Amino acid sequence: MAIVDVYNMQKEKVAETEIADAVFNAEIKEHLVRDVVVWQLAKRRRGTVAVKNRSRVKGGAAKPWRQKGTGRARAGTSRSPIWRGGGVIFGPQQRDYSYRLPKEVRRQALISVLTQKFQDGKLLIFNDFNLETVKTKQIAELLKRFAVNKAVLVAEDNQELYLSTRNLQGAMAVNQNGVNVYDLLRYDYLMLSDASLKKIEGALEK
């Protein structure tokens, strides 16, 4: 197991902790990372786009003219797709784009991203995020103190932290259950509380 430093919010080293090789020093499987990102984006698609087919457009209740004797082509309805104002053929309809992905694929992809963060030196461990009140300025100063532009901050049930980061473009706060591949790739750094680190390791280790 590797040993990493544990900091407080003033950038003072307060302890050291071990991190599990099975989670932070494993094989990086880029193809699984890609699969999970595509899966996450597919789940987020609203799928609400739709056009009217011939059964939904207005009109068409009566035959426009008699079948024979007019010199015009036969027509049974004004809803025909070849008519102006008629229905659309094979247009997009409301649908659910989500699909199932094996749990093991998701686990391995998350381990791969966590490993990449550690190997790139973009994993920071904190003893705790001590915020007495909601203060966006404190989080902005924390990021500046560690020379971090974009980061995911992970702590367990820290409402002050969540509210303090919601207006910062370069920060996102979640608890350990909300850590996911797509958001970790969007943000450069991962800033973990020591308690959340142990829970993530417990969930991902076999």
N, C-alpha and C. Protein backbone atom coordinates (compact mmCIF):
# COMPACT_ATOMS: atom_id res chain seq x y z
N MET A 1 0.83 -1.20 0.00
CA MET A 1 0.00 0.00 0.00
C MET A 1 0.86 1.25 0.00
N ALA A 2 0.42 2.25 -0.73
CA ALA A 2 1.14 3.52 -0.78
C ALA A 2 0.75 4.39 0.40
N ILE A 3 1.67 5.26 0.80
CA ILE A 3 1.45 6.19 1.89
C ILE A 3 1.27 7.58 1.29
N VAL A 4 0.20 8.27 1.68
CA VAL A 4 -0.05 9.62 1.18
C VAL A 4 -0.23 10.57 2.37
N ASP A 5 0.03 11.84 2.12
CA ASP A 5 -0.10 12.85 3.16
C ASP A 5 -1.57 13.24 3.34
N VAL A 6 -1.91 13.58 4.56
CA VAL A 6 -3.24 14.08 4.88
C VAL A 6 -3.10 15.54 5.32
N TYR A 7 -3.89 16.42 4.70
CA TYR A 7 -3.79 17.86 4.96
C TYR A 7 -5.03 18.36 5.67
N ASN A 8 -4.88 19.54 6.26
CA ASN A 8 -6.06 20.29 6.70
C ASN A 8 -6.33 21.37 5.67
N MET A 9 -7.33 22.19 5.90
CA MET A 9 -7.72 23.18 4.90
C MET A 9 -6.74 24.34 4.81
N GLN A 10 -5.79 24.42 5.74
CA GLN A 10 -4.75 25.47 5.69
C GLN A 10 -3.49 24.97 4.99
N LYS A 11 -3.58 23.82 4.36
CA LYS A 11 -2.48 23.19 3.64
C LYS A 11 -1.34 22.78 4.58
N GLU A 12 -1.70 22.37 5.76
CA GLU A 12 -0.72 21.86 6.73
C GLU A 12 -0.85 20.34 6.79
N LYS A 13 0.28 19.67 6.70
CA LYS A 13 0.27 18.21 6.80
C LYS A 13 -0.02 17.83 8.25
N VAL A 14 -1.06 17.05 8.44
CA VAL A 14 -1.46 16.68 9.81
C VAL A 14 -1.30 15.19 10.08
N ALA A 15 -1.15 14.39 9.02
CA ALA A 15 -1.02 12.94 9.23
C ALA A 15 -0.62 12.28 7.91
N GLU A 16 -0.51 10.97 7.96
CA GLU A 16 -0.30 10.14 6.78
C GLU A 16 -1.30 8.99 6.82
N THR A 17 -1.67 8.52 5.64
CA THR A 17 -2.61 7.41 5.59
C THR A 17 -2.24 6.48 4.44
N GLU A 18 -2.64 5.24 4.57
CA GLU A 18 -2.41 4.25 3.52
C GLU A 18 -3.60 4.23 2.56
N ILE A 19 -3.29 4.05 1.28
CA ILE A 19 -4.37 3.87 0.31
C ILE A 19 -4.22 2.50 -0.34
N ALA A 20 -5.34 1.89 -0.64
CA ALA A 20 -5.35 0.51 -1.14
C ALA A 20 -4.86 0.46 -2.58
N ASP A 21 -3.92 -0.44 -2.84
CA ASP A 21 -3.42 -0.62 -4.20
C ASP A 21 -4.52 -1.13 -5.13
N ALA A 22 -5.45 -1.89 -4.60
CA ALA A 22 -6.52 -2.45 -5.43
C ALA A 22 -7.45 -1.38 -5.98
N VAL A 23 -7.42 -0.19 -5.35
CA VAL A 23 -8.31 0.89 -5.78
C VAL A 23 -7.54 2.03 -6.44
N PHE A 24 -6.35 2.35 -5.92
CA PHE A 24 -5.62 3.52 -6.39
C PHE A 24 -4.31 3.19 -7.11
N ASN A 25 -4.03 1.93 -7.28
CA ASN A 25 -2.82 1.56 -8.01
C ASN A 25 -3.06 0.28 -8.80
N ALA A 26 -4.18 0.27 -9.50
CA ALA A 26 -4.59 -0.91 -10.26
C ALA A 26 -4.32 -0.71 -11.75
N GLU A 27 -4.68 -1.69 -12.53
CA GLU A 27 -4.53 -1.58 -13.99
C GLU A 27 -5.58 -0.61 -14.53
N ILE A 28 -5.14 0.29 -15.40
CA ILE A 28 -6.06 1.26 -16.00
C ILE A 28 -6.67 0.66 -17.27
N LYS A 29 -7.98 0.54 -17.26
CA LYS A 29 -8.70 -0.07 -18.39
C LYS A 29 -9.49 1.01 -19.11
N GLU A 30 -8.86 1.61 -20.09
CA GLU A 30 -9.45 2.76 -20.77
C GLU A 30 -10.73 2.39 -21.52
N HIS A 31 -10.80 1.18 -22.05
CA HIS A 31 -12.00 0.80 -22.81
C HIS A 31 -13.23 0.73 -21.90
N LEU A 32 -13.02 0.33 -20.64
CA LEU A 32 -14.14 0.30 -19.71
C LEU A 32 -14.54 1.72 -19.27
N VAL A 33 -13.55 2.59 -19.16
CA VAL A 33 -13.84 3.99 -18.83
C VAL A 33 -14.71 4.60 -19.92
N ARG A 34 -14.35 4.33 -21.16
CA ARG A 34 -15.15 4.85 -22.27
C ARG A 34 -16.58 4.30 -22.22
N ASP A 35 -16.71 3.00 -21.97
CA ASP A 35 -18.04 2.38 -21.92
C ASP A 35 -18.91 3.03 -20.85
N VAL A 36 -18.32 3.33 -19.71
CA VAL A 36 -19.10 3.91 -18.61
C VAL A 36 -19.47 5.35 -18.92
N VAL A 37 -18.58 6.12 -19.54
CA VAL A 37 -18.90 7.50 -19.90
C VAL A 37 -20.06 7.53 -20.90
N VAL A 38 -20.01 6.68 -21.91
CA VAL A 38 -21.10 6.61 -22.89
C VAL A 38 -22.40 6.21 -22.21
N TRP A 39 -22.32 5.28 -21.27
CA TRP A 39 -23.50 4.82 -20.53
C TRP A 39 -24.09 5.94 -19.68
N GLN A 40 -23.22 6.69 -18.99
CA GLN A 40 -23.71 7.80 -18.17
C GLN A 40 -24.36 8.89 -19.01
N LEU A 41 -23.75 9.23 -20.14
CA LEU A 41 -24.32 10.26 -21.00
C LEU A 41 -25.64 9.80 -21.61
N ALA A 42 -25.73 8.51 -21.92
CA ALA A 42 -26.98 7.97 -22.48
C ALA A 42 -28.10 8.07 -21.45
N LYS A 43 -27.78 7.80 -20.18
CA LYS A 43 -28.79 7.88 -19.13
C LYS A 43 -29.28 9.31 -18.93
N ARG A 44 -28.40 10.28 -19.21
CA ARG A 44 -28.77 11.69 -18.99
C ARG A 44 -29.58 12.28 -20.15
N ARG A 45 -29.64 11.59 -21.27
CA ARG A 45 -30.41 12.12 -22.40
C ARG A 45 -31.89 12.13 -22.05
N ARG A 46 -32.53 13.24 -22.34
CA ARG A 46 -33.94 13.38 -21.98
C ARG A 46 -34.85 12.59 -22.93
N GLY A 47 -34.47 12.52 -24.20
CA GLY A 47 -35.26 11.73 -25.14
C GLY A 47 -36.66 12.27 -25.35
N THR A 48 -36.84 13.59 -25.26
CA THR A 48 -38.18 14.16 -25.37
C THR A 48 -38.48 14.70 -26.76
N VAL A 49 -37.52 14.66 -27.68
CA VAL A 49 -37.77 15.17 -29.03
C VAL A 49 -38.78 14.26 -29.72
N ALA A 50 -39.71 14.88 -30.46
CA ALA A 50 -40.73 14.09 -31.16
C ALA A 50 -41.33 14.92 -32.28
N VAL A 51 -41.75 14.23 -33.34
CA VAL A 51 -42.48 14.87 -34.44
C VAL A 51 -43.81 14.14 -34.61
N LYS A 52 -44.71 14.76 -35.35
CA LYS A 52 -46.03 14.16 -35.56
C LYS A 52 -46.02 13.27 -36.80
N ASN A 53 -46.45 12.04 -36.61
CA ASN A 53 -46.62 11.16 -37.77
C ASN A 53 -48.04 11.34 -38.32
N ARG A 54 -48.42 10.53 -39.29
CA ARG A 54 -49.69 10.75 -39.97
C ARG A 54 -50.90 10.50 -39.07
N SER A 55 -50.69 9.80 -37.97
CA SER A 55 -51.81 9.57 -37.05
C SER A 55 -52.02 10.73 -36.09
N ARG A 56 -51.07 11.67 -36.03
CA ARG A 56 -51.15 12.75 -35.05
C ARG A 56 -51.42 14.13 -35.66
N VAL A 57 -51.21 14.28 -36.97
CA VAL A 57 -51.43 15.61 -37.56
C VAL A 57 -52.91 15.88 -37.74
N LYS A 58 -53.23 17.16 -37.86
CA LYS A 58 -54.61 17.58 -37.99
C LYS A 58 -55.15 17.27 -39.39
N GLY A 59 -56.43 16.98 -39.48
CA GLY A 59 -57.07 16.79 -40.77
C GLY A 59 -57.12 15.33 -41.18
N GLY A 60 -57.51 15.11 -42.44
CA GLY A 60 -57.49 13.76 -42.99
C GLY A 60 -58.68 12.91 -42.66
N ALA A 61 -59.73 13.47 -42.09
CA ALA A 61 -60.88 12.65 -41.72
C ALA A 61 -61.68 12.20 -42.95
N ALA A 62 -61.70 13.03 -43.97
CA ALA A 62 -62.47 12.68 -45.17
C ALA A 62 -61.53 12.55 -46.37
N LYS A 63 -61.95 11.77 -47.33
CA LYS A 63 -61.20 11.63 -48.58
C LYS A 63 -61.25 12.97 -49.32
N PRO A 64 -60.05 13.53 -49.70
CA PRO A 64 -60.03 14.88 -50.30
C PRO A 64 -60.91 15.03 -51.54
N TRP A 65 -60.93 14.03 -52.41
CA TRP A 65 -61.79 14.03 -53.59
C TRP A 65 -62.09 12.59 -53.98
N ARG A 66 -63.03 12.44 -54.92
CA ARG A 66 -63.42 11.08 -55.29
C ARG A 66 -62.27 10.35 -55.96
N GLN A 67 -62.37 9.05 -55.98
CA GLN A 67 -61.26 8.21 -56.45
C GLN A 67 -60.97 8.42 -57.92
N LYS A 68 -62.01 8.52 -58.77
CA LYS A 68 -61.79 8.56 -60.22
C LYS A 68 -62.47 9.78 -60.85
N GLY A 69 -62.00 10.11 -62.03
CA GLY A 69 -62.70 11.11 -62.83
C GLY A 69 -62.24 12.54 -62.65
N THR A 70 -61.29 12.80 -61.73
CA THR A 70 -60.87 14.19 -61.51
C THR A 70 -59.60 14.53 -62.29
N GLY A 71 -58.90 13.52 -62.77
CA GLY A 71 -57.64 13.76 -63.45
C GLY A 71 -56.46 13.91 -62.50
N ARG A 72 -56.75 13.87 -61.23
CA ARG A 72 -55.67 13.99 -60.24
C ARG A 72 -55.33 12.62 -59.66
N ALA A 73 -54.20 12.58 -59.00
CA ALA A 73 -53.77 11.33 -58.40
C ALA A 73 -54.71 10.93 -57.27
N ARG A 74 -54.77 9.64 -57.03
CA ARG A 74 -55.61 9.15 -55.95
C ARG A 74 -55.11 9.68 -54.60
N ALA A 75 -56.03 10.03 -53.72
CA ALA A 75 -55.67 10.51 -52.38
C ALA A 75 -56.73 10.07 -51.40
N GLY A 76 -56.29 9.49 -50.31
CA GLY A 76 -57.24 9.02 -49.30
C GLY A 76 -57.26 9.89 -48.06
N THR A 77 -56.21 10.70 -47.87
CA THR A 77 -56.14 11.53 -46.68
C THR A 77 -55.18 12.69 -46.89
N SER A 78 -55.46 13.80 -46.26
CA SER A 78 -54.54 14.94 -46.34
C SER A 78 -53.40 14.80 -45.33
N ARG A 79 -53.42 13.74 -44.55
CA ARG A 79 -52.34 13.49 -43.60
C ARG A 79 -51.16 12.76 -44.24
N SER A 80 -51.27 12.46 -45.50
CA SER A 80 -50.21 11.71 -46.18
C SER A 80 -48.86 12.43 -46.07
N PRO A 81 -47.79 11.71 -45.83
CA PRO A 81 -46.46 12.32 -45.72
C PRO A 81 -46.01 13.06 -46.96
N ILE A 82 -46.60 12.76 -48.12
CA ILE A 82 -46.17 13.45 -49.33
C ILE A 82 -46.94 14.76 -49.54
N TRP A 83 -47.90 15.02 -48.66
CA TRP A 83 -48.64 16.27 -48.71
C TRP A 83 -48.00 17.30 -47.79
N ARG A 84 -48.13 18.57 -48.19
CA ARG A 84 -47.69 19.64 -47.32
C ARG A 84 -48.58 19.68 -46.08
N GLY A 85 -47.96 19.68 -44.90
CA GLY A 85 -48.71 19.63 -43.65
C GLY A 85 -49.06 18.24 -43.21
N GLY A 86 -48.60 17.24 -43.95
CA GLY A 86 -48.87 15.86 -43.57
C GLY A 86 -47.89 15.36 -42.51
N GLY A 87 -48.05 14.11 -42.17
CA GLY A 87 -47.20 13.52 -41.14
C GLY A 87 -45.77 13.32 -41.62
N VAL A 88 -44.87 13.10 -40.66
CA VAL A 88 -43.45 12.88 -40.95
C VAL A 88 -43.17 11.38 -40.92
N ILE A 89 -42.44 10.92 -41.94
CA ILE A 89 -42.09 9.51 -42.01
C ILE A 89 -40.84 9.24 -41.18
N PHE A 90 -40.89 8.25 -40.31
CA PHE A 90 -39.73 7.79 -39.53
C PHE A 90 -39.03 8.92 -38.77
N GLY A 91 -39.79 9.89 -38.29
CA GLY A 91 -39.20 10.98 -37.52
C GLY A 91 -38.87 10.52 -36.10
N PRO A 92 -38.09 11.32 -35.38
CA PRO A 92 -37.74 10.96 -34.00
C PRO A 92 -38.96 10.95 -33.10
N GLN A 93 -39.00 10.02 -32.17
CA GLN A 93 -40.08 9.91 -31.20
C GLN A 93 -39.50 9.82 -29.80
N GLN A 94 -40.31 10.09 -28.81
CA GLN A 94 -39.86 10.00 -27.43
C GLN A 94 -39.36 8.60 -27.12
N ARG A 95 -38.20 8.54 -26.45
CA ARG A 95 -37.65 7.23 -26.12
C ARG A 95 -36.71 7.36 -24.92
N ASP A 96 -36.44 6.25 -24.31
CA ASP A 96 -35.51 6.17 -23.19
C ASP A 96 -34.19 5.61 -23.71
N TYR A 97 -33.12 6.41 -23.60
CA TYR A 97 -31.83 6.00 -24.14
C TYR A 97 -31.00 5.18 -23.14
N SER A 98 -31.47 5.05 -21.93
CA SER A 98 -30.67 4.34 -20.92
C SER A 98 -30.64 2.85 -21.21
N TYR A 99 -29.61 2.21 -20.70
CA TYR A 99 -29.48 0.76 -20.82
C TYR A 99 -28.68 0.26 -19.63
N ARG A 100 -28.65 -1.03 -19.47
CA ARG A 100 -27.97 -1.61 -18.31
C ARG A 100 -26.50 -1.87 -18.62
N LEU A 101 -25.67 -1.65 -17.64
CA LEU A 101 -24.25 -1.92 -17.76
C LEU A 101 -23.83 -2.76 -16.56
N PRO A 102 -23.06 -3.82 -16.76
CA PRO A 102 -22.68 -4.69 -15.64
C PRO A 102 -22.00 -3.93 -14.51
N LYS A 103 -22.32 -4.32 -13.30
CA LYS A 103 -21.77 -3.65 -12.12
C LYS A 103 -20.25 -3.74 -12.09
N GLU A 104 -19.71 -4.85 -12.53
CA GLU A 104 -18.26 -5.03 -12.51
C GLU A 104 -17.56 -4.09 -13.49
N VAL A 105 -18.20 -3.81 -14.62
CA VAL A 105 -17.64 -2.85 -15.58
C VAL A 105 -17.58 -1.47 -14.95
N ARG A 106 -18.64 -1.08 -14.25
CA ARG A 106 -18.66 0.23 -13.59
C ARG A 106 -17.62 0.31 -12.48
N ARG A 107 -17.46 -0.77 -11.76
CA ARG A 107 -16.46 -0.79 -10.67
C ARG A 107 -15.04 -0.67 -11.21
N GLN A 108 -14.74 -1.43 -12.24
CA GLN A 108 -13.39 -1.39 -12.82
C GLN A 108 -13.09 -0.05 -13.46
N ALA A 109 -14.09 0.57 -14.07
CA ALA A 109 -13.88 1.88 -14.69
C ALA A 109 -13.59 2.94 -13.64
N LEU A 110 -14.33 2.90 -12.52
CA LEU A 110 -14.10 3.87 -11.45
C LEU A 110 -12.72 3.66 -10.82
N ILE A 111 -12.33 2.42 -10.64
CA ILE A 111 -10.99 2.13 -10.12
C ILE A 111 -9.92 2.67 -11.07
N SER A 112 -10.15 2.53 -12.37
CA SER A 112 -9.18 3.02 -13.37
C SER A 112 -9.00 4.52 -13.26
N VAL A 113 -10.11 5.25 -13.10
CA VAL A 113 -10.03 6.71 -13.01
C VAL A 113 -9.37 7.13 -11.70
N LEU A 114 -9.69 6.46 -10.60
CA LEU A 114 -9.06 6.77 -9.32
C LEU A 114 -7.57 6.50 -9.37
N THR A 115 -7.19 5.42 -10.04
CA THR A 115 -5.77 5.11 -10.20
C THR A 115 -5.06 6.18 -11.00
N GLN A 116 -5.72 6.66 -12.06
CA GLN A 116 -5.12 7.70 -12.89
C GLN A 116 -4.93 8.99 -12.10
N LYS A 117 -5.90 9.34 -11.26
CA LYS A 117 -5.77 10.54 -10.43
C LYS A 117 -4.57 10.42 -9.49
N PHE A 118 -4.41 9.26 -8.88
CA PHE A 118 -3.30 9.07 -7.96
C PHE A 118 -1.96 9.11 -8.69
N GLN A 119 -1.87 8.44 -9.83
CA GLN A 119 -0.62 8.40 -10.59
C GLN A 119 -0.25 9.77 -11.15
N ASP A 120 -1.24 10.59 -11.44
CA ASP A 120 -0.98 11.94 -11.95
C ASP A 120 -0.73 12.95 -10.84
N GLY A 121 -0.78 12.52 -9.59
CA GLY A 121 -0.58 13.43 -8.47
C GLY A 121 -1.74 14.38 -8.26
N LYS A 122 -2.94 13.97 -8.64
CA LYS A 122 -4.11 14.84 -8.54
C LYS A 122 -5.12 14.30 -7.53
N LEU A 123 -4.59 13.58 -6.54
CA LEU A 123 -5.42 13.09 -5.44
C LEU A 123 -4.95 13.75 -4.15
N LEU A 124 -5.85 14.47 -3.48
CA LEU A 124 -5.53 15.16 -2.24
C LEU A 124 -6.44 14.64 -1.13
N ILE A 125 -5.83 14.29 0.01
CA ILE A 125 -6.58 13.75 1.13
C ILE A 125 -6.60 14.78 2.26
N PHE A 126 -7.78 14.99 2.85
CA PHE A 126 -7.95 15.96 3.94
C PHE A 126 -8.47 15.24 5.18
N ASN A 127 -8.08 15.74 6.32
CA ASN A 127 -8.62 15.16 7.55
C ASN A 127 -10.11 15.45 7.68
N ASP A 128 -10.52 16.63 7.20
CA ASP A 128 -11.94 16.98 7.19
C ASP A 128 -12.09 18.33 6.51
N PHE A 129 -13.29 18.58 6.00
CA PHE A 129 -13.61 19.91 5.47
C PHE A 129 -14.42 20.64 6.53
N ASN A 130 -13.72 21.39 7.36
CA ASN A 130 -14.36 22.05 8.49
C ASN A 130 -14.94 23.40 8.07
N LEU A 131 -16.23 23.43 7.89
CA LEU A 131 -16.94 24.67 7.54
C LEU A 131 -18.05 24.88 8.55
N GLU A 132 -17.94 25.95 9.31
CA GLU A 132 -18.96 26.22 10.32
C GLU A 132 -20.23 26.78 9.69
N THR A 133 -20.05 27.55 8.61
CA THR A 133 -21.20 28.13 7.90
C THR A 133 -20.99 27.95 6.41
N VAL A 134 -22.03 28.25 5.65
CA VAL A 134 -21.92 28.20 4.20
C VAL A 134 -21.12 29.41 3.73
N LYS A 135 -19.97 29.16 3.14
CA LYS A 135 -19.08 30.25 2.73
C LYS A 135 -18.36 29.86 1.45
N THR A 136 -18.83 30.37 0.32
CA THR A 136 -18.21 30.06 -0.96
C THR A 136 -16.77 30.55 -1.01
N LYS A 137 -16.49 31.67 -0.36
CA LYS A 137 -15.16 32.25 -0.38
C LYS A 137 -14.12 31.30 0.23
N GLN A 138 -14.50 30.55 1.24
CA GLN A 138 -13.56 29.62 1.87
C GLN A 138 -13.14 28.51 0.91
N ILE A 139 -14.09 28.01 0.13
CA ILE A 139 -13.76 26.96 -0.84
C ILE A 139 -12.91 27.53 -1.97
N ALA A 140 -13.22 28.74 -2.41
CA ALA A 140 -12.41 29.38 -3.44
C ALA A 140 -10.98 29.59 -2.97
N GLU A 141 -10.82 29.98 -1.71
CA GLU A 141 -9.47 30.16 -1.15
C GLU A 141 -8.76 28.82 -0.99
N LEU A 142 -9.51 27.78 -0.64
CA LEU A 142 -8.93 26.45 -0.52
C LEU A 142 -8.35 25.97 -1.85
N LEU A 143 -9.11 26.15 -2.91
CA LEU A 143 -8.63 25.75 -4.24
C LEU A 143 -7.40 26.55 -4.64
N LYS A 144 -7.43 27.84 -4.37
CA LYS A 144 -6.29 28.69 -4.70
C LYS A 144 -5.06 28.31 -3.90
N ARG A 145 -5.26 27.95 -2.64
CA ARG A 145 -4.16 27.59 -1.75
C ARG A 145 -3.43 26.34 -2.26
N PHE A 146 -4.17 25.42 -2.84
CA PHE A 146 -3.58 24.19 -3.35
C PHE A 146 -3.31 24.26 -4.86
N ALA A 147 -3.47 25.46 -5.46
CA ALA A 147 -3.24 25.67 -6.89
C ALA A 147 -4.09 24.72 -7.74
N VAL A 148 -5.36 24.64 -7.38
CA VAL A 148 -6.29 23.75 -8.07
C VAL A 148 -7.33 24.60 -8.79
N ASN A 149 -7.53 24.33 -10.07
CA ASN A 149 -8.53 25.06 -10.84
C ASN A 149 -9.90 24.39 -10.80
N LYS A 150 -9.90 23.07 -10.97
CA LYS A 150 -11.16 22.33 -11.01
C LYS A 150 -11.01 21.09 -10.15
N ALA A 151 -11.97 20.86 -9.26
CA ALA A 151 -11.84 19.72 -8.36
C ALA A 151 -13.21 19.20 -7.93
N VAL A 152 -13.25 17.89 -7.69
CA VAL A 152 -14.39 17.26 -7.03
C VAL A 152 -14.03 17.09 -5.57
N LEU A 153 -14.86 17.63 -4.68
CA LEU A 153 -14.63 17.52 -3.25
C LEU A 153 -15.60 16.49 -2.69
N VAL A 154 -15.07 15.52 -1.98
CA VAL A 154 -15.89 14.40 -1.50
C VAL A 154 -15.84 14.36 0.02
N ALA A 155 -16.99 14.48 0.63
CA ALA A 155 -17.11 14.38 2.08
C ALA A 155 -18.48 13.79 2.39
N GLU A 156 -18.59 13.20 3.56
CA GLU A 156 -19.83 12.52 3.92
C GLU A 156 -20.80 13.48 4.60
N ASP A 157 -21.96 13.69 3.96
CA ASP A 157 -23.05 14.46 4.56
C ASP A 157 -22.59 15.81 5.11
N ASN A 158 -21.85 16.55 4.31
CA ASN A 158 -21.38 17.87 4.72
C ASN A 158 -22.19 18.92 3.96
N GLN A 159 -23.31 19.31 4.53
CA GLN A 159 -24.22 20.22 3.85
C GLN A 159 -23.58 21.58 3.59
N GLU A 160 -22.76 22.04 4.53
CA GLU A 160 -22.09 23.32 4.34
C GLU A 160 -21.16 23.28 3.14
N LEU A 161 -20.49 22.17 2.95
CA LEU A 161 -19.58 22.02 1.81
C LEU A 161 -20.35 22.02 0.50
N TYR A 162 -21.46 21.29 0.45
CA TYR A 162 -22.26 21.23 -0.78
C TYR A 162 -22.78 22.61 -1.19
N LEU A 163 -23.29 23.34 -0.20
CA LEU A 163 -23.86 24.66 -0.50
C LEU A 163 -22.77 25.68 -0.82
N SER A 164 -21.58 25.50 -0.26
CA SER A 164 -20.50 26.45 -0.49
C SER A 164 -19.87 26.29 -1.87
N THR A 165 -20.07 25.15 -2.50
CA THR A 165 -19.45 24.90 -3.81
C THR A 165 -20.42 25.06 -4.98
N ARG A 166 -21.70 25.18 -4.69
CA ARG A 166 -22.66 25.13 -5.80
C ARG A 166 -22.55 26.32 -6.75
N ASN A 167 -21.99 27.45 -6.29
CA ASN A 167 -21.83 28.61 -7.16
C ASN A 167 -20.42 28.76 -7.72
N LEU A 168 -19.57 27.78 -7.46
CA LEU A 168 -18.21 27.80 -8.00
C LEU A 168 -18.14 26.96 -9.26
N GLN A 169 -17.71 27.59 -10.33
CA GLN A 169 -17.66 26.88 -11.60
C GLN A 169 -16.61 25.76 -11.59
N GLY A 170 -15.57 25.93 -10.81
CA GLY A 170 -14.49 24.95 -10.81
C GLY A 170 -14.55 23.95 -9.68
N ALA A 171 -15.68 23.84 -9.00
CA ALA A 171 -15.78 22.92 -7.87
C ALA A 171 -17.11 22.20 -7.87
N MET A 172 -17.07 20.97 -7.39
CA MET A 172 -18.28 20.16 -7.27
C MET A 172 -18.14 19.32 -6.01
N ALA A 173 -19.15 19.32 -5.16
CA ALA A 173 -19.10 18.56 -3.91
C ALA A 173 -20.13 17.44 -3.93
N VAL A 174 -19.70 16.24 -3.56
CA VAL A 174 -20.59 15.08 -3.48
C VAL A 174 -20.19 14.27 -2.25
N ASN A 175 -21.04 13.33 -1.85
CA ASN A 175 -20.59 12.37 -0.87
C ASN A 175 -19.99 11.17 -1.59
N GLN A 176 -19.48 10.21 -0.86
CA GLN A 176 -18.75 9.11 -1.50
C GLN A 176 -19.63 8.27 -2.42
N ASN A 177 -20.95 8.29 -2.16
CA ASN A 177 -21.86 7.53 -3.03
C ASN A 177 -22.07 8.22 -4.38
N GLY A 178 -21.74 9.50 -4.46
CA GLY A 178 -21.93 10.23 -5.71
C GLY A 178 -20.70 10.29 -6.60
N VAL A 179 -19.60 9.67 -6.17
CA VAL A 179 -18.39 9.68 -6.98
C VAL A 179 -18.62 8.83 -8.23
N ASN A 180 -18.38 9.41 -9.40
CA ASN A 180 -18.62 8.68 -10.64
C ASN A 180 -17.56 9.02 -11.68
N VAL A 181 -17.46 8.19 -12.69
CA VAL A 181 -16.41 8.29 -13.70
C VAL A 181 -16.49 9.59 -14.48
N TYR A 182 -17.67 9.95 -14.95
CA TYR A 182 -17.80 11.11 -15.82
C TYR A 182 -17.38 12.40 -15.12
N ASP A 183 -17.84 12.60 -13.89
CA ASP A 183 -17.49 13.83 -13.17
C ASP A 183 -16.01 13.86 -12.79
N LEU A 184 -15.42 12.73 -12.48
CA LEU A 184 -13.99 12.70 -12.17
C LEU A 184 -13.15 13.08 -13.39
N LEU A 185 -13.64 12.73 -14.57
CA LEU A 185 -12.91 13.09 -15.79
C LEU A 185 -13.10 14.56 -16.14
N ARG A 186 -14.23 15.13 -15.76
CA ARG A 186 -14.49 16.54 -16.05
C ARG A 186 -13.65 17.47 -15.19
N TYR A 187 -13.32 17.04 -13.99
CA TYR A 187 -12.56 17.88 -13.06
C TYR A 187 -11.15 17.31 -12.89
N ASP A 188 -10.19 18.21 -12.77
CA ASP A 188 -8.78 17.80 -12.73
C ASP A 188 -8.43 17.05 -11.45
N TYR A 189 -8.81 17.58 -10.31
CA TYR A 189 -8.37 17.05 -9.02
C TYR A 189 -9.52 16.36 -8.28
N LEU A 190 -9.11 15.42 -7.42
CA LEU A 190 -10.05 14.76 -6.52
C LEU A 190 -9.59 15.05 -5.10
N MET A 191 -10.43 15.72 -4.33
CA MET A 191 -10.12 16.10 -2.96
C MET A 191 -11.04 15.33 -2.02
N LEU A 192 -10.46 14.41 -1.26
CA LEU A 192 -11.22 13.47 -0.45
C LEU A 192 -11.02 13.72 1.04
N SER A 193 -12.08 13.58 1.81
CA SER A 193 -11.89 13.51 3.25
C SER A 193 -11.41 12.10 3.58
N ASP A 194 -10.68 11.98 4.68
CA ASP A 194 -10.12 10.68 5.05
C ASP A 194 -11.22 9.65 5.29
N ALA A 195 -12.34 10.09 5.87
CA ALA A 195 -13.45 9.17 6.13
C ALA A 195 -14.06 8.66 4.82
N SER A 196 -14.22 9.55 3.84
CA SER A 196 -14.77 9.14 2.55
C SER A 196 -13.82 8.22 1.81
N LEU A 197 -12.51 8.47 1.96
CA LEU A 197 -11.51 7.60 1.34
C LEU A 197 -11.69 6.17 1.79
N LYS A 198 -11.84 5.95 3.07
CA LYS A 198 -11.98 4.58 3.60
C LYS A 198 -13.27 3.95 3.11
N LYS A 199 -14.34 4.73 2.99
CA LYS A 199 -15.61 4.15 2.54
C LYS A 199 -15.56 3.81 1.06
N ILE A 200 -14.87 4.61 0.27
CA ILE A 200 -14.72 4.30 -1.15
C ILE A 200 -13.91 3.03 -1.32
N GLU A 201 -12.83 2.91 -0.56
CA GLU A 201 -12.02 1.70 -0.62
C GLU A 201 -12.84 0.48 -0.19
N GLY A 202 -13.62 0.63 0.84
CA GLY A 202 -14.45 -0.49 1.30
C GLY A 202 -15.48 -0.93 0.27
N ALA A 203 -15.98 0.03 -0.51
CA ALA A 203 -16.99 -0.30 -1.52
C ALA A 203 -16.39 -0.92 -2.78
N LEU A 204 -15.16 -0.54 -3.11
CA LEU A 204 -14.56 -0.98 -4.37
C LEU A 204 -13.63 -2.18 -4.23
N GLU A 205 -13.10 -2.38 -3.03
CA GLU A 205 -12.21 -3.53 -2.83
C GLU A 205 -13.03 -4.82 -2.81
N LYS A 206 -12.39 -5.89 -3.28
CA LYS A 206 -13.03 -7.18 -3.23
C LYS A 206 -12.40 -8.05 -2.18
